[in-house]
C-alpha atoms as a PDB file:
ATOM      1  CA  UNK A   1      22.436   8.499  11.091  1.00  0.00           C
ATOM      2  CA  UNK A   2      21.493   8.618   7.382  1.00  0.00           C
ATOM      3  CA  UNK A   3      17.738   8.824   6.654  1.00  0.00           C
ATOM      4  CA  UNK A   4      16.146   5.700   5.216  1.00  0.00           C
ATOM      5  CA  UNK A   5      14.929   7.595   2.154  1.00  0.00           C
ATOM      6  CA  UNK A   6      16.621  10.440   0.229  1.00  0.00           C
ATOM      7  CA  UNK A   7      16.539  13.685   2.166  1.00  0.00           C
ATOM      8  CA  UNK A   8      14.027  16.110   0.711  1.00  0.00           C
ATOM      9  CA  UNK A   9      11.568  13.408  -0.362  1.00  0.00           C
ATOM     10  CA  UNK A  10       8.003  14.482   0.325  1.00  0.00           C
ATOM     11  CA  UNK A  11       4.756  12.536   0.042  1.00  0.00           C
ATOM     12  CA  UNK A  12       1.673  14.394  -1.110  1.00  0.00           C
ATOM     13  CA  UNK A  13      -1.597  13.779  -2.941  1.00  0.00           C
ATOM     14  CA  UNK A  14      -1.438  13.421  -6.713  1.00  0.00           C
ATOM     15  CA  UNK A  15      -2.278  16.719  -8.400  1.00  0.00           C
ATOM     16  CA  UNK A  16      -3.912  17.259 -11.793  1.00  0.00           C
ATOM     17  CA  UNK A  17      -0.846  19.144 -13.059  1.00  0.00           C
ATOM     18  CA  UNK A  18       1.564  16.293 -12.206  1.00  0.00           C
ATOM     19  CA  UNK A  19       3.337  14.885 -15.264  1.00  0.00           C
ATOM     20  CA  UNK A  20       3.054  11.110 -15.018  1.00  0.00           C
ATOM     21  CA  UNK A  21       4.218  10.213 -18.541  1.00  0.00           C
ATOM     22  CA  UNK A  22       7.903   9.658 -17.752  1.00  0.00           C
ATOM     23  CA  UNK A  23       7.359   7.453 -14.678  1.00  0.00           C
ATOM     24  CA  UNK A  24       8.693   3.909 -15.089  1.00  0.00           C
ATOM     25  CA  UNK A  25       9.023   1.323 -12.324  1.00  0.00           C
ATOM     26  CA  UNK A  26       9.790  -1.684 -14.530  1.00  0.00           C
ATOM     27  CA  UNK A  27       6.260  -3.161 -14.342  1.00  0.00           C
ATOM     28  CA  UNK A  28       4.179  -2.136 -17.385  1.00  0.00           C
ATOM     29  CA  UNK A  29       0.856  -2.662 -15.582  1.00  0.00           C
ATOM     30  CA  UNK A  30       1.874  -0.365 -12.686  1.00  0.00           C
ATOM     31  CA  UNK A  31       3.238   2.240 -15.119  1.00  0.00           C
ATOM     32  CA  UNK A  32       0.044   2.078 -17.223  1.00  0.00           C
ATOM     33  CA  UNK A  33      -2.150   2.509 -14.142  1.00  0.00           C
ATOM     34  CA  UNK A  34      -0.205   5.565 -13.007  1.00  0.00           C
ATOM     35  CA  UNK A  35      -0.057   7.133 -16.475  1.00  0.00           C
ATOM     36  CA  UNK A  36      -3.631   6.381 -17.631  1.00  0.00           C
ATOM     37  CA  UNK A  37      -5.867   5.856 -14.594  1.00  0.00           C
ATOM     38  CA  UNK A  38      -4.425   7.298 -11.372  1.00  0.00           C
ATOM     39  CA  UNK A  39      -5.599  10.836 -12.116  1.00  0.00           C
ATOM     40  CA  UNK A  40      -9.174   9.911 -12.911  1.00  0.00           C
ATOM     41  CA  UNK A  41      -9.390   7.439 -10.002  1.00  0.00           C
ATOM     42  CA  UNK A  42      -8.193  10.161  -7.669  1.00  0.00           C
ATOM     43  CA  UNK A  43     -10.554  12.816  -9.099  1.00  0.00           C
ATOM     44  CA  UNK A  44     -13.548  10.470  -8.965  1.00  0.00           C
ATOM     45  CA  UNK A  45     -12.847   9.449  -5.383  1.00  0.00           C
ATOM     46  CA  UNK A  46     -12.210   5.807  -6.298  1.00  0.00           C
ATOM     47  CA  UNK A  47      -8.830   5.784  -4.589  1.00  0.00           C
ATOM     48  CA  UNK A  48      -6.394   8.051  -2.862  1.00  0.00           C
ATOM     49  CA  UNK A  49      -3.222   8.375  -4.901  1.00  0.00           C
ATOM     50  CA  UNK A  50      -0.174   9.771  -3.197  1.00  0.00           C
ATOM     51  CA  UNK A  51       3.170  10.495  -4.777  1.00  0.00           C
ATOM     52  CA  UNK A  52       6.698  10.634  -3.430  1.00  0.00           C
ATOM     53  CA  UNK A  53       8.460  13.661  -4.892  1.00  0.00           C
ATOM     54  CA  UNK A  54      12.209  14.301  -4.881  1.00  0.00           C
ATOM     55  CA  UNK A  55      13.595  17.502  -6.421  1.00  0.00           C
ATOM     56  CA  UNK A  56      10.332  18.058  -8.284  1.00  0.00           C
ATOM     57  CA  UNK A  57      10.316  14.567  -9.819  1.00  0.00           C
ATOM     58  CA  UNK A  58       7.717  11.911  -8.983  1.00  0.00           C
ATOM     59  CA  UNK A  59       9.799   8.963  -7.788  1.00  0.00           C
ATOM     60  CA  UNK A  60       7.005   6.721  -6.504  1.00  0.00           C
ATOM     61  CA  UNK A  61       3.302   6.415  -5.858  1.00  0.00           C
ATOM     62  CA  UNK A  62       0.794   4.515  -3.732  1.00  0.00           C
ATOM     63  CA  UNK A  63      -2.913   4.090  -4.410  1.00  0.00           C
ATOM     64  CA  UNK A  64      -5.244   3.030  -1.608  1.00  0.00           C
ATOM     65  CA  UNK A  65      -8.976   2.641  -1.066  1.00  0.00           C
ATOM     66  CA  UNK A  66     -11.257   1.384   1.700  1.00  0.00           C
ATOM     67  CA  UNK A  67     -12.663  -2.110   1.377  1.00  0.00           C
ATOM     68  CA  UNK A  68     -13.735  -5.081   3.436  1.00  0.00           C
ATOM     69  CA  UNK A  69     -12.690  -8.603   4.300  1.00  0.00           C
ATOM     70  CA  UNK A  70     -14.438 -11.361   6.248  1.00  0.00           C
ATOM     71  CA  UNK A  71     -12.834 -12.968   9.254  1.00  0.00           C
ATOM     72  CA  UNK A  72     -12.845 -16.334   7.432  1.00  0.00           C
ATOM     73  CA  UNK A  73     -10.475 -14.810   4.860  1.00  0.00           C
ATOM     74  CA  UNK A  74      -7.892 -13.864   7.488  1.00  0.00           C
ATOM     75  CA  UNK A  75      -4.982 -15.965   8.744  1.00  0.00           C
ATOM     76  CA  UNK A  76      -6.320 -18.392  11.383  1.00  0.00           C
ATOM     77  CA  UNK A  77      -4.469 -16.781  14.322  1.00  0.00           C
ATOM     78  CA  UNK A  78      -6.330 -13.507  13.652  1.00  0.00           C
ATOM     79  CA  UNK A  79      -9.865 -14.903  13.279  1.00  0.00           C
ATOM     80  CA  UNK A  80     -10.703 -15.734  16.880  1.00  0.00           C
ATOM     81  CA  UNK A  81     -11.815 -12.375  18.190  1.00  0.00           C
ATOM     82  CA  UNK A  82     -13.432 -10.955  15.079  1.00  0.00           C
ATOM     83  CA  UNK A  83     -17.099 -11.112  14.063  1.00  0.00           C
ATOM     84  CA  UNK A  84     -18.155 -13.105  11.002  1.00  0.00           C
ATOM     85  CA  UNK A  85     -19.475 -10.229   8.886  1.00  0.00           C
ATOM     86  CA  UNK A  86     -17.518  -7.990   6.476  1.00  0.00           C
ATOM     87  CA  UNK A  87     -14.828  -6.034   8.319  1.00  0.00           C
ATOM     88  CA  UNK A  88     -13.495  -2.633   7.184  1.00  0.00           C
ATOM     89  CA  UNK A  89      -9.952  -2.553   5.800  1.00  0.00           C
ATOM     90  CA  UNK A  90      -7.737  -0.232   3.819  1.00  0.00           C
ATOM     91  CA  UNK A  91      -6.574  -1.818   0.576  1.00  0.00           C
ATOM     92  CA  UNK A  92      -3.168  -0.855  -0.736  1.00  0.00           C
ATOM     93  CA  UNK A  93      -4.108  -1.185  -4.397  1.00  0.00           C
ATOM     94  CA  UNK A  94      -0.756  -0.259  -5.940  1.00  0.00           C
ATOM     95  CA  UNK A  95       2.692   0.823  -4.809  1.00  0.00           C
ATOM     96  CA  UNK A  96       5.543   1.544  -7.210  1.00  0.00           C
ATOM     97  CA  UNK A  97       8.926   3.258  -7.172  1.00  0.00           C
ATOM     98  CA  UNK A  98      10.733   4.553 -10.267  1.00  0.00           C
ATOM     99  CA  UNK A  99      13.460   2.127 -11.356  1.00  0.00           C
ATOM    100  CA  UNK A 100      16.349   4.529 -10.767  1.00  0.00           C
ATOM    101  CA  UNK A 101      15.109   5.233  -7.208  1.00  0.00           C
ATOM    102  CA  UNK A 102      14.406   1.673  -6.037  1.00  0.00           C
ATOM    103  CA  UNK A 103      16.116   0.267  -2.915  1.00  0.00           C
ATOM    104  CA  UNK A 104      16.461   3.725  -1.362  1.00  0.00           C
ATOM    105  CA  UNK A 105      13.581   3.559   1.131  1.00  0.00           C
ATOM    106  CA  UNK A 106      10.977   5.367  -0.962  1.00  0.00           C
ATOM    107  CA  UNK A 107       8.668   2.329  -1.036  1.00  0.00           C
ATOM    108  CA  UNK A 108       8.917   2.098   2.762  1.00  0.00           C
ATOM    109  CA  UNK A 109       8.084   5.794   3.059  1.00  0.00           C
ATOM    110  CA  UNK A 110       4.998   5.360   0.856  1.00  0.00           C
ATOM    111  CA  UNK A 111       3.961   2.224   2.765  1.00  0.00           C
ATOM    112  CA  UNK A 112       4.316   4.055   6.102  1.00  0.00           C
ATOM    113  CA  UNK A 113       2.071   6.806   4.710  1.00  0.00           C
ATOM    114  CA  UNK A 114      -0.614   4.253   3.791  1.00  0.00           C
ATOM    115  CA  UNK A 115      -0.320   2.570   7.200  1.00  0.00           C
ATOM    116  CA  UNK A 116      -0.814   5.969   8.846  1.00  0.00           C
ATOM    117  CA  UNK A 117      -3.956   6.388   6.713  1.00  0.00           C
ATOM    118  CA  UNK A 118      -5.214   3.044   8.057  1.00  0.00           C
ATOM    119  CA  UNK A 119      -4.879   4.357  11.623  1.00  0.00           C
ATOM    120  CA  UNK A 120      -6.841   7.458  10.653  1.00  0.00           C
ATOM    121  CA  UNK A 121      -9.510   5.303   9.033  1.00  0.00           C
ATOM    122  CA  UNK A 122      -9.695   3.180  12.187  1.00  0.00           C
ATOM    123  CA  UNK A 123     -10.097   6.255  14.361  1.00  0.00           C
ATOM    124  CA  UNK A 124     -12.824   7.800  12.191  1.00  0.00           C
ATOM    125  CA  UNK A 125     -14.830   4.858  10.867  1.00  0.00           C
ATOM    126  CA  UNK A 126     -13.221   1.550  11.806  1.00  0.00           C
ATOM    127  CA  UNK A 127     -10.443  -0.462  10.174  1.00  0.00           C
ATOM    128  CA  UNK A 128      -9.026  -3.851  11.155  1.00  0.00           C
ATOM    129  CA  UNK A 129      -5.930  -3.673   8.949  1.00  0.00           C
ATOM    130  CA  UNK A 130      -4.391  -3.284   5.510  1.00  0.00           C
ATOM    131  CA  UNK A 131      -4.774  -5.749   2.642  1.00  0.00           C
ATOM    132  CA  UNK A 132      -2.517  -5.921  -0.405  1.00  0.00           C
ATOM    133  CA  UNK A 133      -2.406  -8.086  -3.502  1.00  0.00           C
ATOM    134  CA  UNK A 134       1.352  -8.616  -3.744  1.00  0.00           C
ATOM    135  CA  UNK A 135       3.147  -9.598  -6.914  1.00  0.00           C
ATOM    136  CA  UNK A 136       5.213 -12.770  -6.436  1.00  0.00           C
ATOM    137  CA  UNK A 137       8.492 -10.846  -6.224  1.00  0.00           C
ATOM    138  CA  UNK A 138       7.064  -8.484  -3.565  1.00  0.00           C
ATOM    139  CA  UNK A 139       5.719 -11.077  -1.079  1.00  0.00           C
ATOM    140  CA  UNK A 140       9.019 -11.230   0.818  1.00  0.00           C
ATOM    141  CA  UNK A 141       9.242  -7.437   0.945  1.00  0.00           C
ATOM    142  CA  UNK A 142       5.808  -7.095   2.530  1.00  0.00           C
ATOM    143  CA  UNK A 143       6.478 -10.004   4.895  1.00  0.00           C
ATOM    144  CA  UNK A 144       9.379  -8.010   6.397  1.00  0.00           C
ATOM    145  CA  UNK A 145       6.777  -5.479   7.584  1.00  0.00           C
ATOM    146  CA  UNK A 146       4.637  -8.185   9.204  1.00  0.00           C
ATOM    147  CA  UNK A 147       2.122  -8.803   6.412  1.00  0.00           C
ATOM    148  CA  UNK A 148       0.763 -12.354   6.482  1.00  0.00           C
ATOM    149  CA  UNK A 149      -0.496 -14.353   3.531  1.00  0.00           C
ATOM    150  CA  UNK A 150      -4.293 -14.579   3.466  1.00  0.00           C
ATOM    151  CA  UNK A 151      -5.374 -18.192   2.995  1.00  0.00           C
ATOM    152  CA  UNK A 152      -7.187 -18.913  -0.260  1.00  0.00           C
ATOM    153  CA  UNK A 153      -7.948 -22.145  -2.069  1.00  0.00           C
ATOM    154  CA  UNK A 154      -5.086 -21.660  -4.513  1.00  0.00           C
ATOM    155  CA  UNK A 155      -3.005 -19.299  -2.367  1.00  0.00           C
ATOM    156  CA  UNK A 156      -3.101 -16.793  -5.212  1.00  0.00           C
ATOM    157  CA  UNK A 157      -5.531 -14.339  -6.720  1.00  0.00           C
ATOM    158  CA  UNK A 158      -5.713 -13.779 -10.451  1.00  0.00           C
ATOM    159  CA  UNK A 159      -5.523 -10.037 -10.871  1.00  0.00           C
ATOM    160  CA  UNK A 160      -4.163  -8.084 -13.790  1.00  0.00           C
ATOM    161  CA  UNK A 161      -1.384  -9.549 -15.892  1.00  0.00           C
ATOM    162  CA  UNK A 162       0.114 -11.848 -13.255  1.00  0.00           C
ATOM    163  CA  UNK A 163      -1.180 -13.783 -10.251  1.00  0.00           C
ATOM    164  CA  UNK A 164      -0.887 -12.020  -6.916  1.00  0.00           C
ATOM    165  CA  UNK A 165      -0.861 -13.160  -3.310  1.00  0.00           C
ATOM    166  CA  UNK A 166      -3.255 -11.460  -0.924  1.00  0.00           C
ATOM    167  CA  UNK A 167      -1.604 -10.364   2.332  1.00  0.00           C
ATOM    168  CA  UNK A 168      -2.931  -8.747   5.529  1.00  0.00           C
ATOM    169  CA  UNK A 169      -1.418  -6.569   8.267  1.00  0.00           C
ATOM    170  CA  UNK A 170      -3.534  -6.148  11.435  1.00  0.00           C
ATOM    171  CA  UNK A 171      -4.216  -2.654  12.736  1.00  0.00           C
ATOM    172  CA  UNK A 172      -2.644  -3.477  16.128  1.00  0.00           C
ATOM    173  CA  UNK A 173       0.640  -4.372  14.423  1.00  0.00           C
ATOM    174  CA  UNK A 174       0.471  -1.139  12.437  1.00  0.00           C
ATOM    175  CA  UNK A 175      -0.134   0.932  15.555  1.00  0.00           C
ATOM    176  CA  UNK A 176       2.745  -0.723  17.428  1.00  0.00           C
ATOM    177  CA  UNK A 177       5.148  -0.313  14.510  1.00  0.00           C
ATOM    178  CA  UNK A 178       4.325   3.338  13.898  1.00  0.00           C
ATOM    179  CA  UNK A 179       4.465   4.140  17.619  1.00  0.00           C
ATOM    180  CA  UNK A 180       7.863   2.426  17.809  1.00  0.00           C
ATOM    181  CA  UNK A 181       9.131   4.415  14.793  1.00  0.00           C
ATOM    182  CA  UNK A 182       7.960   7.729  16.296  1.00  0.00           C
ATOM    183  CA  UNK A 183       9.773   6.920  19.566  1.00  0.00           C
ATOM    184  CA  UNK A 184      13.122   6.784  17.747  1.00  0.00           C
END
């Protein structure tokens, strides 16, 4: 069976010596973040930036940070058992794959790495799930992993250059999915 992502792809933390200038995913705002801000956000502890590396080339990245959400912001089927104060989450702030490496499983590899981080956060401090602000063209992609749209008045959040849709994946779903993947 062929691996989902190119053999030899590794995921590691962004390093100061990493050359980010040539990275291009086709979204100027994601490229600008990676080129201009990812290093300082990582150094300052504002987010954890991880890169997918293939043959020495950065082919993708994911930036994540802890945050919170209230139960009233969650899809209605998830609200019942949760308290009504801010709940700890892991926010997937950005995920991008270089244009020439898209549709090869690298995004899924980076997402799985972030979901594993959410389990670690749950075990150490508490975490009820992962929240993302998905670009319109990415909503379907995240839905295939079980992410649900978070209800808002407009259904969208204005963030950056284009509106995004906030989505949530519960920690129980993450645990089940990762356990299922490790059983294969």
